[in-house]
Structure formats: structure tokens, C-alpha cells
Amino acid sequence: MDVESLTPAEREWLTADEALWQRAHRIVAQNPGLDLSDVYHTLRNFQRSPEERLRRGLRHGRTRARTL
């Protein structure tokens, strides 16, 4: 990926996302039983409003209930 070809907004998002992954790595290093991607997704979800998290959770729950 050529970072120079990204827009400033895309570069900002990429920088913030990399920082989030680094934070997830630090958390997992201190808690080896945790899954890295689960920690990352939890940190990402903390950036959403409670309403958005609830909406996504309910939507995901309905989807899962139908597939079981």
C-alpha cells in the first residue's frame, strides 16, 4: 500500500487504527489468554455510541438466532 496516495482523512484513520492494534497487542501481552482480534474489536466498539453498540448487537443476535 502506498501511504502517500491516501487522502489526509485516510492517513488519519490508518494511523489511529494502527494505534488501536498496538494497544490490543499490549493488552494481550499482559493477558496471554485473550484473543488479539477480540480485543481489537472490543476497543473498536468502545469508539461507538452505546446506541450503535446496542443496535449492532441486536442485529447480530437476530442473525445468529436464525442460523442456529
N, C-alpha and C. Protein backbone atom coordinates (compact mmCIF):
# COMPACT_ATOMS: atom_id res chain seq x y z
N MET A 1 0.84 -1.17 0.00
CA MET A 1 0.00 0.00 0.00
C MET A 1 0.89 1.24 0.00
N ASP A 2 0.60 2.15 -0.88
CA ASP A 2 1.34 3.40 -0.96
C ASP A 2 0.62 4.44 -0.10
N VAL A 3 1.15 4.68 1.08
CA VAL A 3 0.52 5.61 2.02
C VAL A 3 0.44 7.02 1.45
N GLU A 4 1.40 7.36 0.63
CA GLU A 4 1.41 8.71 0.04
C GLU A 4 0.21 8.97 -0.87
N SER A 5 -0.38 7.90 -1.41
CA SER A 5 -1.52 8.09 -2.31
C SER A 5 -2.85 8.24 -1.55
N LEU A 6 -2.80 8.05 -0.23
CA LEU A 6 -4.01 8.17 0.57
C LEU A 6 -4.37 9.63 0.82
N THR A 7 -5.65 9.88 1.02
CA THR A 7 -6.09 11.22 1.38
C THR A 7 -5.69 11.48 2.84
N PRO A 8 -5.66 12.72 3.26
CA PRO A 8 -5.34 13.01 4.67
C PRO A 8 -6.29 12.28 5.64
N ALA A 9 -7.56 12.21 5.30
CA ALA A 9 -8.52 11.52 6.18
C ALA A 9 -8.20 10.03 6.25
N GLU A 10 -7.83 9.43 5.12
CA GLU A 10 -7.47 8.01 5.11
C GLU A 10 -6.20 7.76 5.91
N ARG A 11 -5.24 8.64 5.79
CA ARG A 11 -3.99 8.51 6.57
C ARG A 11 -4.27 8.64 8.06
N GLU A 12 -5.15 9.56 8.41
CA GLU A 12 -5.51 9.75 9.82
C GLU A 12 -6.18 8.49 10.36
N TRP A 13 -7.10 7.91 9.58
CA TRP A 13 -7.77 6.69 10.01
C TRP A 13 -6.75 5.56 10.16
N LEU A 14 -5.84 5.44 9.20
CA LEU A 14 -4.84 4.38 9.23
C LEU A 14 -3.94 4.51 10.46
N THR A 15 -3.54 5.72 10.77
CA THR A 15 -2.69 5.96 11.95
C THR A 15 -3.43 5.60 13.23
N ALA A 16 -4.69 6.01 13.32
CA ALA A 16 -5.49 5.70 14.51
C ALA A 16 -5.73 4.19 14.62
N ASP A 17 -5.99 3.53 13.50
CA ASP A 17 -6.22 2.10 13.52
C ASP A 17 -4.97 1.34 13.94
N GLU A 18 -3.82 1.77 13.45
CA GLU A 18 -2.56 1.13 13.85
C GLU A 18 -2.33 1.29 15.35
N ALA A 19 -2.65 2.47 15.88
CA ALA A 19 -2.51 2.69 17.32
C ALA A 19 -3.43 1.77 18.10
N LEU A 20 -4.62 1.53 17.58
CA LEU A 20 -5.57 0.63 18.23
C LEU A 20 -5.04 -0.80 18.24
N TRP A 21 -4.48 -1.24 17.11
CA TRP A 21 -3.88 -2.58 17.06
C TRP A 21 -2.71 -2.69 18.04
N GLN A 22 -1.90 -1.66 18.13
CA GLN A 22 -0.78 -1.69 19.08
C GLN A 22 -1.27 -1.79 20.52
N ARG A 23 -2.35 -1.05 20.81
CA ARG A 23 -2.94 -1.14 22.15
C ARG A 23 -3.45 -2.55 22.42
N ALA A 24 -4.11 -3.14 21.44
CA ALA A 24 -4.61 -4.51 21.58
C ALA A 24 -3.44 -5.48 21.83
N HIS A 25 -2.35 -5.30 21.12
CA HIS A 25 -1.16 -6.15 21.33
C HIS A 25 -0.64 -6.01 22.76
N ARG A 26 -0.60 -4.79 23.27
CA ARG A 26 -0.12 -4.58 24.64
C ARG A 26 -1.03 -5.26 25.66
N ILE A 27 -2.34 -5.17 25.44
CA ILE A 27 -3.29 -5.80 26.36
C ILE A 27 -3.13 -7.32 26.34
N VAL A 28 -2.99 -7.89 25.14
CA VAL A 28 -2.83 -9.34 25.02
C VAL A 28 -1.49 -9.79 25.61
N ALA A 29 -0.47 -8.97 25.48
CA ALA A 29 0.83 -9.32 26.07
C ALA A 29 0.72 -9.44 27.59
N GLN A 30 -0.15 -8.64 28.19
CA GLN A 30 -0.34 -8.68 29.64
C GLN A 30 -1.36 -9.73 30.05
N ASN A 31 -2.16 -10.19 29.09
CA ASN A 31 -3.22 -11.17 29.35
C ASN A 31 -3.20 -12.22 28.24
N PRO A 32 -2.21 -13.14 28.29
CA PRO A 32 -1.99 -14.06 27.18
C PRO A 32 -3.19 -14.94 26.79
N GLY A 33 -4.15 -15.12 27.66
CA GLY A 33 -5.30 -15.95 27.32
C GLY A 33 -6.32 -15.27 26.42
N LEU A 34 -6.13 -13.98 26.17
CA LEU A 34 -7.08 -13.24 25.34
C LEU A 34 -6.76 -13.39 23.86
N ASP A 35 -7.79 -13.27 23.05
CA ASP A 35 -7.63 -13.33 21.60
C ASP A 35 -7.38 -11.91 21.07
N LEU A 36 -6.34 -11.73 20.28
CA LEU A 36 -5.96 -10.41 19.78
C LEU A 36 -7.08 -9.74 19.01
N SER A 37 -7.71 -10.44 18.09
CA SER A 37 -8.74 -9.80 17.28
C SER A 37 -9.98 -9.47 18.12
N ASP A 38 -10.28 -10.30 19.13
CA ASP A 38 -11.40 -9.97 20.02
C ASP A 38 -11.11 -8.68 20.79
N VAL A 39 -9.89 -8.53 21.26
CA VAL A 39 -9.52 -7.31 22.00
C VAL A 39 -9.60 -6.11 21.07
N TYR A 40 -9.08 -6.24 19.86
CA TYR A 40 -9.14 -5.14 18.89
C TYR A 40 -10.60 -4.74 18.62
N HIS A 41 -11.45 -5.71 18.37
CA HIS A 41 -12.85 -5.41 18.06
C HIS A 41 -13.56 -4.79 19.26
N THR A 42 -13.21 -5.22 20.47
CA THR A 42 -13.78 -4.60 21.66
C THR A 42 -13.35 -3.15 21.77
N LEU A 43 -12.07 -2.88 21.54
CA LEU A 43 -11.59 -1.50 21.58
C LEU A 43 -12.27 -0.66 20.50
N ARG A 44 -12.45 -1.23 19.33
CA ARG A 44 -13.12 -0.53 18.22
C ARG A 44 -14.57 -0.22 18.62
N ASN A 45 -15.24 -1.18 19.27
CA ASN A 45 -16.63 -0.97 19.68
C ASN A 45 -16.76 0.12 20.74
N PHE A 46 -15.74 0.28 21.59
CA PHE A 46 -15.78 1.35 22.58
C PHE A 46 -15.82 2.73 21.93
N GLN A 47 -15.44 2.82 20.67
CA GLN A 47 -15.48 4.09 19.96
C GLN A 47 -16.89 4.42 19.45
N ARG A 48 -17.78 3.44 19.49
CA ARG A 48 -19.15 3.65 19.04
C ARG A 48 -20.00 4.12 20.22
N SER A 49 -21.10 4.75 19.90
CA SER A 49 -22.02 5.17 20.95
C SER A 49 -22.71 3.93 21.53
N PRO A 50 -23.23 4.03 22.76
CA PRO A 50 -23.97 2.89 23.33
C PRO A 50 -25.14 2.48 22.44
N GLU A 51 -25.81 3.46 21.83
CA GLU A 51 -26.94 3.14 20.97
C GLU A 51 -26.49 2.32 19.76
N GLU A 52 -25.36 2.70 19.16
CA GLU A 52 -24.85 1.96 18.00
C GLU A 52 -24.43 0.55 18.40
N ARG A 53 -23.79 0.42 19.57
CA ARG A 53 -23.39 -0.92 20.02
C ARG A 53 -24.61 -1.80 20.26
N LEU A 54 -25.66 -1.22 20.86
CA LEU A 54 -26.88 -1.98 21.10
C LEU A 54 -27.53 -2.39 19.78
N ARG A 55 -27.64 -1.46 18.86
CA ARG A 55 -28.25 -1.76 17.56
C ARG A 55 -27.49 -2.88 16.84
N ARG A 56 -26.16 -2.78 16.85
CA ARG A 56 -25.36 -3.81 16.19
C ARG A 56 -25.50 -5.16 16.90
N GLY A 57 -25.52 -5.13 18.23
CA GLY A 57 -25.66 -6.37 18.99
C GLY A 57 -26.99 -7.05 18.74
N LEU A 58 -28.05 -6.25 18.71
CA LEU A 58 -29.37 -6.82 18.46
C LEU A 58 -29.46 -7.38 17.04
N ARG A 59 -28.90 -6.65 16.10
CA ARG A 59 -28.92 -7.13 14.71
C ARG A 59 -28.12 -8.42 14.60
N HIS A 60 -26.96 -8.47 15.23
CA HIS A 60 -26.13 -9.67 15.19
C HIS A 60 -26.84 -10.84 15.87
N GLY A 61 -27.50 -10.57 16.99
CA GLY A 61 -28.23 -11.61 17.71
C GLY A 61 -29.35 -12.20 16.89
N ARG A 62 -30.08 -11.35 16.16
CA ARG A 62 -31.16 -11.85 15.30
C ARG A 62 -30.59 -12.71 14.19
N THR A 63 -29.48 -12.27 13.62
CA THR A 63 -28.85 -13.03 12.54
C THR A 63 -28.40 -14.40 13.05
N ARG A 64 -27.78 -14.43 14.20
CA ARG A 64 -27.30 -15.70 14.75
C ARG A 64 -28.46 -16.62 15.12
N ALA A 65 -29.53 -16.07 15.67
CA ALA A 65 -30.65 -16.91 16.09
C ALA A 65 -31.28 -17.61 14.89
N ARG A 66 -31.30 -16.96 13.76
CA ARG A 66 -31.87 -17.57 12.57
C ARG A 66 -31.00 -18.67 11.99
N THR A 67 -29.69 -18.60 12.21
CA THR A 67 -28.80 -19.56 11.60
C THR A 67 -28.58 -20.79 12.48
N LEU A 68 -29.01 -20.73 13.73
CA LEU A 68 -28.78 -21.88 14.62
C LEU A 68 -29.76 -22.98 14.39
